[in-house]
């Protein structure tokens, strides 16, 4: 689903965020309030339970470690009750639709549904009606959207770069199949980052118009003078079977090493949404190096997702 489609309505007439399936169309002031709340939780030493405990359902139809665990920890820190649903042990295995599952959870009194699903249309349909009592949150939707990852990436960038208008960013790797690339691009653009460079193998390049005003460049041109490099995971589960990907060629042509990063700004930092395939997208010695923000991205996931729960709860 391209970025230039009409984003779904997620905000009611009073300006309240009701669901979070994408970052597209969200006003900057709302995103800033989310980041402010996340910053509060990041600085707090103790859990801050909500005055009103709620039931949270996590339904991940695709594998996840970071997103699922951090949503669960975020809910726990707010005093919410979490139910983990396993797709192949739920009624989804009996041909129940996602919509029917959501309606069932809503009837039981669940207030939040965090869903990871491969079909954007099925996930997007959950936010109708807008005022339904079940707040729906995307934990990653196909290759379309990963809003909480986009927010935590933006939060991490904000912590290290003060002038986002002057920031240069290179996004390297499997852009065509990356929901992270789309959501993080949207978040960075919303906060004034204009110099965003893209680099991908020809078969993994995005469709024309998906990343407005971003340049698609060869690797050296994308890296030259860049302050921030975001490496992406090869989405091998989304790559069509007919497309034969030469992993050795990818590693040699697009894998990031200390030597390759020498043409970046000397103060360059690197990010990656995880999981990292060592010595594929990133050289093993870069993952936990001083220039890496990868572990910080993971830490920031919990306060950002706490902020999402609180904002949706009003």
C-alpha atoms as a PDB file:
ATOM      1  CA  UNK A   1       0.000   0.000   0.000  1.00  0.00           C
ATOM      2  CA  UNK A   2       1.708   3.233  -1.130  1.00  0.00           C
ATOM      3  CA  UNK A   3       2.264   6.189   1.122  1.00  0.00           C
ATOM      4  CA  UNK A   4       0.232   8.556  -1.021  1.00  0.00           C
ATOM      5  CA  UNK A   5      -3.096   6.816  -0.421  1.00  0.00           C
ATOM      6  CA  UNK A   6      -5.676   8.555   1.772  1.00  0.00           C
ATOM      7  CA  UNK A   7      -4.850   7.674   5.400  1.00  0.00           C
ATOM      8  CA  UNK A   8      -7.673   6.226   7.507  1.00  0.00           C
ATOM      9  CA  UNK A   9      -9.394   8.448  10.043  1.00  0.00           C
ATOM     10  CA  UNK A  10      -8.158   7.643  13.536  1.00  0.00           C
ATOM     11  CA  UNK A  11      -9.092  10.884  15.316  1.00  0.00           C
ATOM     12  CA  UNK A  12     -12.592  11.877  16.421  1.00  0.00           C
ATOM     13  CA  UNK A  13     -14.170  15.309  16.078  1.00  0.00           C
ATOM     14  CA  UNK A  14     -12.808  16.421  19.447  1.00  0.00           C
ATOM     15  CA  UNK A  15      -9.253  15.677  18.298  1.00  0.00           C
ATOM     16  CA  UNK A  16      -8.867  12.544  20.413  1.00  0.00           C
ATOM     17  CA  UNK A  17      -6.833   9.653  19.048  1.00  0.00           C
ATOM     18  CA  UNK A  18      -9.110   6.592  19.003  1.00  0.00           C
ATOM     19  CA  UNK A  19      -6.939   4.004  17.223  1.00  0.00           C
ATOM     20  CA  UNK A  20      -3.364   3.800  15.984  1.00  0.00           C
ATOM     21  CA  UNK A  21      -2.953   1.864  12.770  1.00  0.00           C
ATOM     22  CA  UNK A  22      -0.671   4.293  10.940  1.00  0.00           C
ATOM     23  CA  UNK A  23       1.221   7.540  11.518  1.00  0.00           C
ATOM     24  CA  UNK A  24      -0.051   8.987   8.273  1.00  0.00           C
ATOM     25  CA  UNK A  25      -2.387  11.925   8.731  1.00  0.00           C
ATOM     26  CA  UNK A  26      -1.601  12.480  12.419  1.00  0.00           C
ATOM     27  CA  UNK A  27      -1.020  16.119  13.391  1.00  0.00           C
ATOM     28  CA  UNK A  28       2.422  16.994  14.669  1.00  0.00           C
ATOM     29  CA  UNK A  29       1.013  18.346  17.958  1.00  0.00           C
ATOM     30  CA  UNK A  30      -0.509  14.955  18.743  1.00  0.00           C
ATOM     31  CA  UNK A  31       2.740  13.136  18.006  1.00  0.00           C
ATOM     32  CA  UNK A  32       4.649  15.655  20.128  1.00  0.00           C
ATOM     33  CA  UNK A  33       2.318  14.945  23.054  1.00  0.00           C
ATOM     34  CA  UNK A  34       2.974  11.218  22.633  1.00  0.00           C
ATOM     35  CA  UNK A  35       6.721  11.838  22.685  1.00  0.00           C
ATOM     36  CA  UNK A  36       6.426  14.069  25.753  1.00  0.00           C
ATOM     37  CA  UNK A  37       4.526  11.366  27.600  1.00  0.00           C
ATOM     38  CA  UNK A  38       7.071   8.756  26.534  1.00  0.00           C
ATOM     39  CA  UNK A  39       9.861  11.009  27.782  1.00  0.00           C
ATOM     40  CA  UNK A  40       8.132  11.224  31.161  1.00  0.00           C
ATOM     41  CA  UNK A  41       7.998   7.432  31.410  1.00  0.00           C
ATOM     42  CA  UNK A  42      11.580   7.072  30.187  1.00  0.00           C
ATOM     43  CA  UNK A  43      12.743   9.323  33.030  1.00  0.00           C
ATOM     44  CA  UNK A  44      10.587   7.647  35.689  1.00  0.00           C
ATOM     45  CA  UNK A  45      12.279   5.008  37.810  1.00  0.00           C
ATOM     46  CA  UNK A  46       9.121   3.181  38.810  1.00  0.00           C
ATOM     47  CA  UNK A  47       5.997   1.883  37.124  1.00  0.00           C
ATOM     48  CA  UNK A  48       3.163   4.416  36.964  1.00  0.00           C
ATOM     49  CA  UNK A  49      -0.080   2.410  37.230  1.00  0.00           C
ATOM     50  CA  UNK A  50      -3.167   3.837  35.578  1.00  0.00           C
ATOM     51  CA  UNK A  51      -6.133   4.793  37.744  1.00  0.00           C
ATOM     52  CA  UNK A  52      -8.286   2.539  35.582  1.00  0.00           C
ATOM     53  CA  UNK A  53      -6.887  -0.911  34.857  1.00  0.00           C
ATOM     54  CA  UNK A  54      -7.964  -2.255  31.492  1.00  0.00           C
ATOM     55  CA  UNK A  55      -7.895  -5.547  29.619  1.00  0.00           C
ATOM     56  CA  UNK A  56      -5.357  -5.706  26.790  1.00  0.00           C
ATOM     57  CA  UNK A  57      -5.341  -8.414  24.110  1.00  0.00           C
ATOM     58  CA  UNK A  58      -2.184  -9.108  22.130  1.00  0.00           C
ATOM     59  CA  UNK A  59      -2.837 -10.944  18.881  1.00  0.00           C
ATOM     60  CA  UNK A  60       0.294 -11.463  16.796  1.00  0.00           C
ATOM     61  CA  UNK A  61      -0.307 -13.432  13.619  1.00  0.00           C
ATOM     62  CA  UNK A  62       3.345 -13.004  12.646  1.00  0.00           C
ATOM     63  CA  UNK A  63       6.492 -13.577  14.760  1.00  0.00           C
ATOM     64  CA  UNK A  64       7.635 -10.860  17.138  1.00  0.00           C
ATOM     65  CA  UNK A  65       9.937 -10.430  20.118  1.00  0.00           C
ATOM     66  CA  UNK A  66      10.585  -6.710  20.624  1.00  0.00           C
ATOM     67  CA  UNK A  67       7.167  -5.342  19.743  1.00  0.00           C
ATOM     68  CA  UNK A  68       5.145  -7.984  21.551  1.00  0.00           C
ATOM     69  CA  UNK A  69       7.264  -8.015  24.714  1.00  0.00           C
ATOM     70  CA  UNK A  70       7.425  -4.233  24.970  1.00  0.00           C
ATOM     71  CA  UNK A  71       3.659  -3.822  24.509  1.00  0.00           C
ATOM     72  CA  UNK A  72       3.143  -6.415  27.241  1.00  0.00           C
ATOM     73  CA  UNK A  73       5.636  -4.718  29.563  1.00  0.00           C
ATOM     74  CA  UNK A  74       4.136  -1.298  28.822  1.00  0.00           C
ATOM     75  CA  UNK A  75       0.656  -2.576  29.717  1.00  0.00           C
ATOM     76  CA  UNK A  76       1.963  -4.234  32.896  1.00  0.00           C
ATOM     77  CA  UNK A  77       3.687  -1.035  34.032  1.00  0.00           C
ATOM     78  CA  UNK A  78       0.393   0.813  33.632  1.00  0.00           C
ATOM     79  CA  UNK A  79      -1.419  -1.812  35.704  1.00  0.00           C
ATOM     80  CA  UNK A  80      -3.367  -3.318  32.788  1.00  0.00           C
ATOM     81  CA  UNK A  81      -4.240  -6.999  32.438  1.00  0.00           C
ATOM     82  CA  UNK A  82      -2.763  -8.706  29.388  1.00  0.00           C
ATOM     83  CA  UNK A  83      -4.079 -11.702  27.472  1.00  0.00           C
ATOM     84  CA  UNK A  84      -1.824 -13.201  24.818  1.00  0.00           C
ATOM     85  CA  UNK A  85      -3.771 -14.874  22.033  1.00  0.00           C
ATOM     86  CA  UNK A  86      -2.074 -17.509  19.904  1.00  0.00           C
ATOM     87  CA  UNK A  87      -3.528 -17.477  16.365  1.00  0.00           C
ATOM     88  CA  UNK A  88      -3.342 -21.222  15.753  1.00  0.00           C
ATOM     89  CA  UNK A  89      -4.985 -21.891  19.136  1.00  0.00           C
ATOM     90  CA  UNK A  90      -7.702 -19.287  18.696  1.00  0.00           C
ATOM     91  CA  UNK A  91     -10.862 -19.322  16.591  1.00  0.00           C
ATOM     92  CA  UNK A  92      -8.845 -17.808  13.752  1.00  0.00           C
ATOM     93  CA  UNK A  93      -7.788 -21.413  13.149  1.00  0.00           C
ATOM     94  CA  UNK A  94     -11.507 -22.204  12.700  1.00  0.00           C
ATOM     95  CA  UNK A  95     -11.924 -19.622   9.929  1.00  0.00           C
ATOM     96  CA  UNK A  96     -13.054 -16.800  12.214  1.00  0.00           C
ATOM     97  CA  UNK A  97     -12.165 -13.417  10.735  1.00  0.00           C
ATOM     98  CA  UNK A  98     -10.077 -10.775  12.470  1.00  0.00           C
ATOM     99  CA  UNK A  99     -13.171  -8.578  12.575  1.00  0.00           C
ATOM    100  CA  UNK A 100     -15.192 -11.265  14.359  1.00  0.00           C
ATOM    101  CA  UNK A 101     -12.345 -11.844  16.811  1.00  0.00           C
ATOM    102  CA  UNK A 102     -12.207  -8.126  17.586  1.00  0.00           C
ATOM    103  CA  UNK A 103     -15.983  -7.990  18.094  1.00  0.00           C
ATOM    104  CA  UNK A 104     -15.769 -10.943  20.500  1.00  0.00           C
ATOM    105  CA  UNK A 105     -13.012  -9.280  22.531  1.00  0.00           C
ATOM    106  CA  UNK A 106     -14.995  -6.058  22.592  1.00  0.00           C
ATOM    107  CA  UNK A 107     -18.080  -7.913  23.903  1.00  0.00           C
ATOM    108  CA  UNK A 108     -15.942  -9.376  26.696  1.00  0.00           C
ATOM    109  CA  UNK A 109     -14.880  -5.903  27.791  1.00  0.00           C
ATOM    110  CA  UNK A 110     -11.374  -5.733  26.375  1.00  0.00           C
ATOM    111  CA  UNK A 111     -10.332  -2.132  25.899  1.00  0.00           C
ATOM    112  CA  UNK A 112      -7.207  -2.578  23.748  1.00  0.00           C
ATOM    113  CA  UNK A 113      -6.297  -4.901  20.910  1.00  0.00           C
ATOM    114  CA  UNK A 114      -2.696  -4.897  19.694  1.00  0.00           C
ATOM    115  CA  UNK A 115      -2.661  -6.691  16.372  1.00  0.00           C
ATOM    116  CA  UNK A 116       0.139  -7.829  14.076  1.00  0.00           C
ATOM    117  CA  UNK A 117      -1.335  -9.013  10.807  1.00  0.00           C
ATOM    118  CA  UNK A 118      -0.269  -9.389   7.221  1.00  0.00           C
ATOM    119  CA  UNK A 119      -3.364  -7.889   5.578  1.00  0.00           C
ATOM    120  CA  UNK A 120      -3.654  -4.075   5.720  1.00  0.00           C
ATOM    121  CA  UNK A 121      -7.327  -4.069   4.678  1.00  0.00           C
ATOM    122  CA  UNK A 122      -8.389  -6.453   7.452  1.00  0.00           C
ATOM    123  CA  UNK A 123      -6.449  -4.486  10.045  1.00  0.00           C
ATOM    124  CA  UNK A 124      -7.680  -1.119   8.814  1.00  0.00           C
ATOM    125  CA  UNK A 125     -11.310  -2.273   8.935  1.00  0.00           C
ATOM    126  CA  UNK A 126     -11.028  -2.698  12.717  1.00  0.00           C
ATOM    127  CA  UNK A 127     -11.072   1.045  13.381  1.00  0.00           C
ATOM    128  CA  UNK A 128     -14.682   1.354  12.237  1.00  0.00           C
ATOM    129  CA  UNK A 129     -16.761   2.599  13.865  1.00  0.00           C
ATOM    130  CA  UNK A 130     -14.305   5.195  15.081  1.00  0.00           C
ATOM    131  CA  UNK A 131     -15.897   5.420  18.533  1.00  0.00           C
ATOM    132  CA  UNK A 132     -15.924   1.679  19.250  1.00  0.00           C
ATOM    133  CA  UNK A 133     -14.872   0.958  22.850  1.00  0.00           C
ATOM    134  CA  UNK A 134     -12.060  -1.340  21.686  1.00  0.00           C
ATOM    135  CA  UNK A 135      -8.972   0.723  20.813  1.00  0.00           C
ATOM    136  CA  UNK A 136      -7.052  -0.990  18.015  1.00  0.00           C
ATOM    137  CA  UNK A 137      -3.279  -0.645  17.703  1.00  0.00           C
ATOM    138  CA  UNK A 138      -1.115  -1.941  14.894  1.00  0.00           C
ATOM    139  CA  UNK A 139       1.820  -3.999  16.088  1.00  0.00           C
ATOM    140  CA  UNK A 140       2.917  -4.189  12.456  1.00  0.00           C
ATOM    141  CA  UNK A 141       0.646  -4.492   9.439  1.00  0.00           C
ATOM    142  CA  UNK A 142       1.980  -6.261   6.360  1.00  0.00           C
ATOM    143  CA  UNK A 143       4.539  -4.074   4.655  1.00  0.00           C
ATOM    144  CA  UNK A 144       2.286  -1.061   5.115  1.00  0.00           C
ATOM    145  CA  UNK A 145       2.667   0.275   8.636  1.00  0.00           C
ATOM    146  CA  UNK A 146       4.385  -0.101  12.011  1.00  0.00           C
ATOM    147  CA  UNK A 147       3.380   3.080  13.875  1.00  0.00           C
ATOM    148  CA  UNK A 148       4.833   2.291  17.303  1.00  0.00           C
ATOM    149  CA  UNK A 149       8.214   1.495  15.698  1.00  0.00           C
ATOM    150  CA  UNK A 150       8.064   4.755  13.767  1.00  0.00           C
ATOM    151  CA  UNK A 151       7.361   6.617  17.014  1.00  0.00           C
ATOM    152  CA  UNK A 152      10.154   4.958  18.963  1.00  0.00           C
ATOM    153  CA  UNK A 153      12.563   5.609  16.091  1.00  0.00           C
ATOM    154  CA  UNK A 154      11.526   9.277  16.089  1.00  0.00           C
ATOM    155  CA  UNK A 155      11.860   9.383  19.880  1.00  0.00           C
ATOM    156  CA  UNK A 156      15.386   7.947  19.640  1.00  0.00           C
ATOM    157  CA  UNK A 157      16.367  10.405  16.920  1.00  0.00           C
ATOM    158  CA  UNK A 158      14.975  13.290  18.985  1.00  0.00           C
ATOM    159  CA  UNK A 159      17.147  12.266  21.927  1.00  0.00           C
ATOM    160  CA  UNK A 160      20.351  12.583  19.877  1.00  0.00           C
ATOM    161  CA  UNK A 161      19.737  15.267  17.250  1.00  0.00           C
ATOM    162  CA  UNK A 162      18.409  18.689  18.147  1.00  0.00           C
ATOM    163  CA  UNK A 163      18.038  20.223  14.678  1.00  0.00           C
ATOM    164  CA  UNK A 164      16.048  17.684  12.688  1.00  0.00           C
ATOM    165  CA  UNK A 165      15.729  20.105   9.790  1.00  0.00           C
ATOM    166  CA  UNK A 166      19.476  19.837   9.240  1.00  0.00           C
ATOM    167  CA  UNK A 167      19.653  16.071   9.735  1.00  0.00           C
ATOM    168  CA  UNK A 168      20.688  13.810   6.866  1.00  0.00           C
ATOM    169  CA  UNK A 169      19.357  10.241   6.983  1.00  0.00           C
ATOM    170  CA  UNK A 170      20.161   7.224   4.833  1.00  0.00           C
ATOM    171  CA  UNK A 171      17.774   4.247   4.836  1.00  0.00           C
ATOM    172  CA  UNK A 172      19.527   1.175   3.472  1.00  0.00           C
ATOM    173  CA  UNK A 173      18.227  -2.268   2.559  1.00  0.00           C
ATOM    174  CA  UNK A 174      14.942  -3.973   1.734  1.00  0.00           C
ATOM    175  CA  UNK A 175      12.785  -0.877   1.451  1.00  0.00           C
ATOM    176  CA  UNK A 176      10.099  -2.425  -0.769  1.00  0.00           C
ATOM    177  CA  UNK A 177       8.920  -4.848   1.917  1.00  0.00           C
ATOM    178  CA  UNK A 178       9.635  -2.752   5.031  1.00  0.00           C
ATOM    179  CA  UNK A 179       6.754  -1.369   7.082  1.00  0.00           C
ATOM    180  CA  UNK A 180       9.379   0.163   9.383  1.00  0.00           C
ATOM    181  CA  UNK A 181      10.835   2.208   6.530  1.00  0.00           C
ATOM    182  CA  UNK A 182       7.385   3.600   5.700  1.00  0.00           C
ATOM    183  CA  UNK A 183       6.406   4.528   9.273  1.00  0.00           C
ATOM    184  CA  UNK A 184       9.808   5.917  10.247  1.00  0.00           C
ATOM    185  CA  UNK A 185       9.949   7.938   7.024  1.00  0.00           C
ATOM    186  CA  UNK A 186       6.506   9.389   7.806  1.00  0.00           C
ATOM    187  CA  UNK A 187       7.571  10.297  11.362  1.00  0.00           C
ATOM    188  CA  UNK A 188      10.838  11.917  10.276  1.00  0.00           C
ATOM    189  CA  UNK A 189       9.119  13.913   7.533  1.00  0.00           C
ATOM    190  CA  UNK A 190       6.480  15.137   9.993  1.00  0.00           C
ATOM    191  CA  UNK A 191       9.257  16.543  12.192  1.00  0.00           C
ATOM    192  CA  UNK A 192      11.054  18.370   9.421  1.00  0.00           C
ATOM    193  CA  UNK A 193      13.722  15.937   8.206  1.00  0.00           C
ATOM    194  CA  UNK A 194      14.131  16.751   4.514  1.00  0.00           C
ATOM    195  CA  UNK A 195      17.401  15.051   3.520  1.00  0.00           C
ATOM    196  CA  UNK A 196      16.330  11.401   3.412  1.00  0.00           C
ATOM    197  CA  UNK A 197      18.247   9.143   1.047  1.00  0.00           C
ATOM    198  CA  UNK A 198      17.202   5.645   0.062  1.00  0.00           C
ATOM    199  CA  UNK A 199      19.361   2.792  -1.142  1.00  0.00           C
ATOM    200  CA  UNK A 200      18.183  -0.709  -2.052  1.00  0.00           C
ATOM    201  CA  UNK A 201      18.951  -3.491  -4.514  1.00  0.00           C
ATOM    202  CA  UNK A 202      16.914  -2.986  -7.702  1.00  0.00           C
ATOM    203  CA  UNK A 203      14.454  -5.769  -6.828  1.00  0.00           C
ATOM    204  CA  UNK A 204      13.929  -4.330  -3.334  1.00  0.00           C
ATOM    205  CA  UNK A 205      13.412  -0.686  -4.285  1.00  0.00           C
ATOM    206  CA  UNK A 206      10.084   0.950  -3.353  1.00  0.00           C
ATOM    207  CA  UNK A 207       7.475   1.721  -5.947  1.00  0.00           C
ATOM    208  CA  UNK A 208       7.589   5.163  -7.534  1.00  0.00           C
ATOM    209  CA  UNK A 209       5.967   7.833  -5.367  1.00  0.00           C
ATOM    210  CA  UNK A 210       5.949   5.857  -2.131  1.00  0.00           C
ATOM    211  CA  UNK A 211       8.597   8.046  -0.470  1.00  0.00           C
ATOM    212  CA  UNK A 212       7.917  11.582  -1.716  1.00  0.00           C
ATOM    213  CA  UNK A 213      10.991  13.792  -2.197  1.00  0.00           C
ATOM    214  CA  UNK A 214      13.397  11.112  -0.967  1.00  0.00           C
ATOM    215  CA  UNK A 215      16.284  10.339  -3.304  1.00  0.00           C
ATOM    216  CA  UNK A 216      17.018   6.797  -4.431  1.00  0.00           C
ATOM    217  CA  UNK A 217      20.803   6.614  -4.660  1.00  0.00           C
ATOM    218  CA  UNK A 218      23.743   4.198  -4.991  1.00  0.00           C
ATOM    219  CA  UNK A 219      25.176   3.172  -1.627  1.00  0.00           C
ATOM    220  CA  UNK A 220      28.199   5.492  -1.600  1.00  0.00           C
ATOM    221  CA  UNK A 221      26.086   8.519  -2.552  1.00  0.00           C
ATOM    222  CA  UNK A 222      23.495   7.642   0.086  1.00  0.00           C
ATOM    223  CA  UNK A 223      26.137   7.364   2.817  1.00  0.00           C
ATOM    224  CA  UNK A 224      28.362  10.308   1.921  1.00  0.00           C
ATOM    225  CA  UNK A 225      28.221  12.892   4.717  1.00  0.00           C
ATOM    226  CA  UNK A 226      25.197  11.276   6.381  1.00  0.00           C
ATOM    227  CA  UNK A 227      24.643  11.777  10.127  1.00  0.00           C
ATOM    228  CA  UNK A 228      22.218   8.883  10.642  1.00  0.00           C
ATOM    229  CA  UNK A 229      22.077   5.514   8.874  1.00  0.00           C
ATOM    230  CA  UNK A 230      19.062   3.245   9.319  1.00  0.00           C
ATOM    231  CA  UNK A 231      19.741  -0.319   8.184  1.00  0.00           C
ATOM    232  CA  UNK A 232      16.772  -2.562   7.434  1.00  0.00           C
ATOM    233  CA  UNK A 233      16.272  -6.288   7.857  1.00  0.00           C
ATOM    234  CA  UNK A 234      15.891  -8.377   4.745  1.00  0.00           C
ATOM    235  CA  UNK A 235      12.200  -9.299   4.789  1.00  0.00           C
ATOM    236  CA  UNK A 236      12.777 -12.777   3.417  1.00  0.00           C
ATOM    237  CA  UNK A 237       9.291 -13.913   4.458  1.00  0.00           C
ATOM    238  CA  UNK A 238       7.768 -11.240   2.177  1.00  0.00           C
ATOM    239  CA  UNK A 239      10.052 -11.638  -0.809  1.00  0.00           C
ATOM    240  CA  UNK A 240       8.208 -13.484  -3.620  1.00  0.00           C
ATOM    241  CA  UNK A 241       9.332 -17.056  -4.158  1.00  0.00           C
ATOM    242  CA  UNK A 242      10.200 -16.332  -7.770  1.00  0.00           C
ATOM    243  CA  UNK A 243      12.722 -13.668  -6.758  1.00  0.00           C
ATOM    244  CA  UNK A 244      16.039 -15.335  -6.084  1.00  0.00           C
ATOM    245  CA  UNK A 245      18.011 -13.198  -3.672  1.00  0.00           C
ATOM    246  CA  UNK A 246      21.775 -13.738  -3.679  1.00  0.00           C
ATOM    247  CA  UNK A 247      22.639 -13.230  -0.010  1.00  0.00           C
ATOM    248  CA  UNK A 248      26.377 -13.252  -0.637  1.00  0.00           C
ATOM    249  CA  UNK A 249      25.975 -10.494  -3.225  1.00  0.00           C
ATOM    250  CA  UNK A 250      23.726  -8.517  -0.887  1.00  0.00           C
ATOM    251  CA  UNK A 251      26.300  -8.741   1.908  1.00  0.00           C
ATOM    252  CA  UNK A 252      29.109  -7.623  -0.382  1.00  0.00           C
ATOM    253  CA  UNK A 253      27.158  -4.840  -2.105  1.00  0.00           C
ATOM    254  CA  UNK A 254      24.961  -3.436   0.691  1.00  0.00           C
ATOM    255  CA  UNK A 255      26.214  -4.727   4.040  1.00  0.00           C
ATOM    256  CA  UNK A 256      27.393  -1.884   6.274  1.00  0.00           C
ATOM    257  CA  UNK A 257      30.897  -2.060   7.716  1.00  0.00           C
ATOM    258  CA  UNK A 258      33.205   0.364   9.506  1.00  0.00           C
ATOM    259  CA  UNK A 259      35.090   0.821   6.259  1.00  0.00           C
ATOM    260  CA  UNK A 260      31.943   1.759   4.347  1.00  0.00           C
ATOM    261  CA  UNK A 261      30.806   4.178   7.053  1.00  0.00           C
ATOM    262  CA  UNK A 262      34.035   6.182   6.773  1.00  0.00           C
ATOM    263  CA  UNK A 263      32.443   8.372   4.084  1.00  0.00           C
ATOM    264  CA  UNK A 264      29.612   9.325   6.471  1.00  0.00           C
ATOM    265  CA  UNK A 265      29.784  12.304   8.802  1.00  0.00           C
ATOM    266  CA  UNK A 266      32.413  11.485  11.496  1.00  0.00           C
ATOM    267  CA  UNK A 267      29.620  11.766  14.104  1.00  0.00           C
ATOM    268  CA  UNK A 268      27.428   9.200  12.331  1.00  0.00           C
ATOM    269  CA  UNK A 269      25.040   7.034  14.341  1.00  0.00           C
ATOM    270  CA  UNK A 270      23.352   3.829  13.181  1.00  0.00           C
ATOM    271  CA  UNK A 271      19.927   2.353  13.861  1.00  0.00           C
ATOM    272  CA  UNK A 272      18.194  -0.919  12.997  1.00  0.00           C
ATOM    273  CA  UNK A 273      14.659  -2.055  13.926  1.00  0.00           C
ATOM    274  CA  UNK A 274      15.820  -5.620  14.645  1.00  0.00           C
ATOM    275  CA  UNK A 275      16.284  -8.435  14.572  1.00  0.00           C
ATOM    276  CA  UNK A 276      19.719  -7.909  13.047  1.00  0.00           C
ATOM    277  CA  UNK A 277      21.304 -10.588  10.915  1.00  0.00           C
ATOM    278  CA  UNK A 278      24.952 -10.101  11.918  1.00  0.00           C
ATOM    279  CA  UNK A 279      27.350  -9.605   9.025  1.00  0.00           C
ATOM    280  CA  UNK A 280      24.450  -9.270   6.614  1.00  0.00           C
ATOM    281  CA  UNK A 281      22.875  -5.804   6.996  1.00  0.00           C
ATOM    282  CA  UNK A 282      25.445  -4.765   9.618  1.00  0.00           C
ATOM    283  CA  UNK A 283      28.918  -6.006  10.448  1.00  0.00           C
ATOM    284  CA  UNK A 284      28.883  -7.831  13.776  1.00  0.00           C
ATOM    285  CA  UNK A 285      31.232  -5.309  15.413  1.00  0.00           C
ATOM    286  CA  UNK A 286      28.864  -2.411  14.652  1.00  0.00           C
ATOM    287  CA  UNK A 287      25.805  -3.768  16.441  1.00  0.00           C
ATOM    288  CA  UNK A 288      26.876  -2.860  20.005  1.00  0.00           C
ATOM    289  CA  UNK A 289      29.489  -0.267  19.048  1.00  0.00           C
ATOM    290  CA  UNK A 290      29.506   3.307  20.463  1.00  0.00           C
ATOM    291  CA  UNK A 291      27.902   4.641  17.280  1.00  0.00           C
ATOM    292  CA  UNK A 292      24.976   2.210  17.521  1.00  0.00           C
ATOM    293  CA  UNK A 293      21.571   3.286  18.867  1.00  0.00           C
ATOM    294  CA  UNK A 294      20.030  -0.158  18.410  1.00  0.00           C
ATOM    295  CA  UNK A 295      19.801  -1.122  22.080  1.00  0.00           C
ATOM    296  CA  UNK A 296      18.439   2.332  22.860  1.00  0.00           C
ATOM    297  CA  UNK A 297      15.704   1.845  20.279  1.00  0.00           C
ATOM    298  CA  UNK A 298      14.674  -1.321  22.106  1.00  0.00           C
ATOM    299  CA  UNK A 299      14.637   0.446  25.492  1.00  0.00           C
ATOM    300  CA  UNK A 300      12.584   3.310  24.093  1.00  0.00           C
ATOM    301  CA  UNK A 301       9.918   0.920  22.873  1.00  0.00           C
ATOM    302  CA  UNK A 302       8.419   0.479  26.349  1.00  0.00           C
ATOM    303  CA  UNK A 303       7.847   4.159  27.289  1.00  0.00           C
ATOM    304  CA  UNK A 304       6.591   4.931  23.785  1.00  0.00           C
ATOM    305  CA  UNK A 305       4.048   2.124  23.976  1.00  0.00           C
ATOM    306  CA  UNK A 306       3.017   3.223  27.469  1.00  0.00           C
ATOM    307  CA  UNK A 307       2.328   6.643  25.968  1.00  0.00           C
ATOM    308  CA  UNK A 308       0.214   5.052  23.218  1.00  0.00           C
ATOM    309  CA  UNK A 309      -1.977   3.202  25.734  1.00  0.00           C
ATOM    310  CA  UNK A 310      -2.443   6.365  27.812  1.00  0.00           C
ATOM    311  CA  UNK A 311      -3.245   8.569  24.842  1.00  0.00           C
ATOM    312  CA  UNK A 312      -5.837   6.162  23.464  1.00  0.00           C
ATOM    313  CA  UNK A 313      -7.393   5.875  26.929  1.00  0.00           C
ATOM    314  CA  UNK A 314      -7.852   9.633  26.921  1.00  0.00           C
END
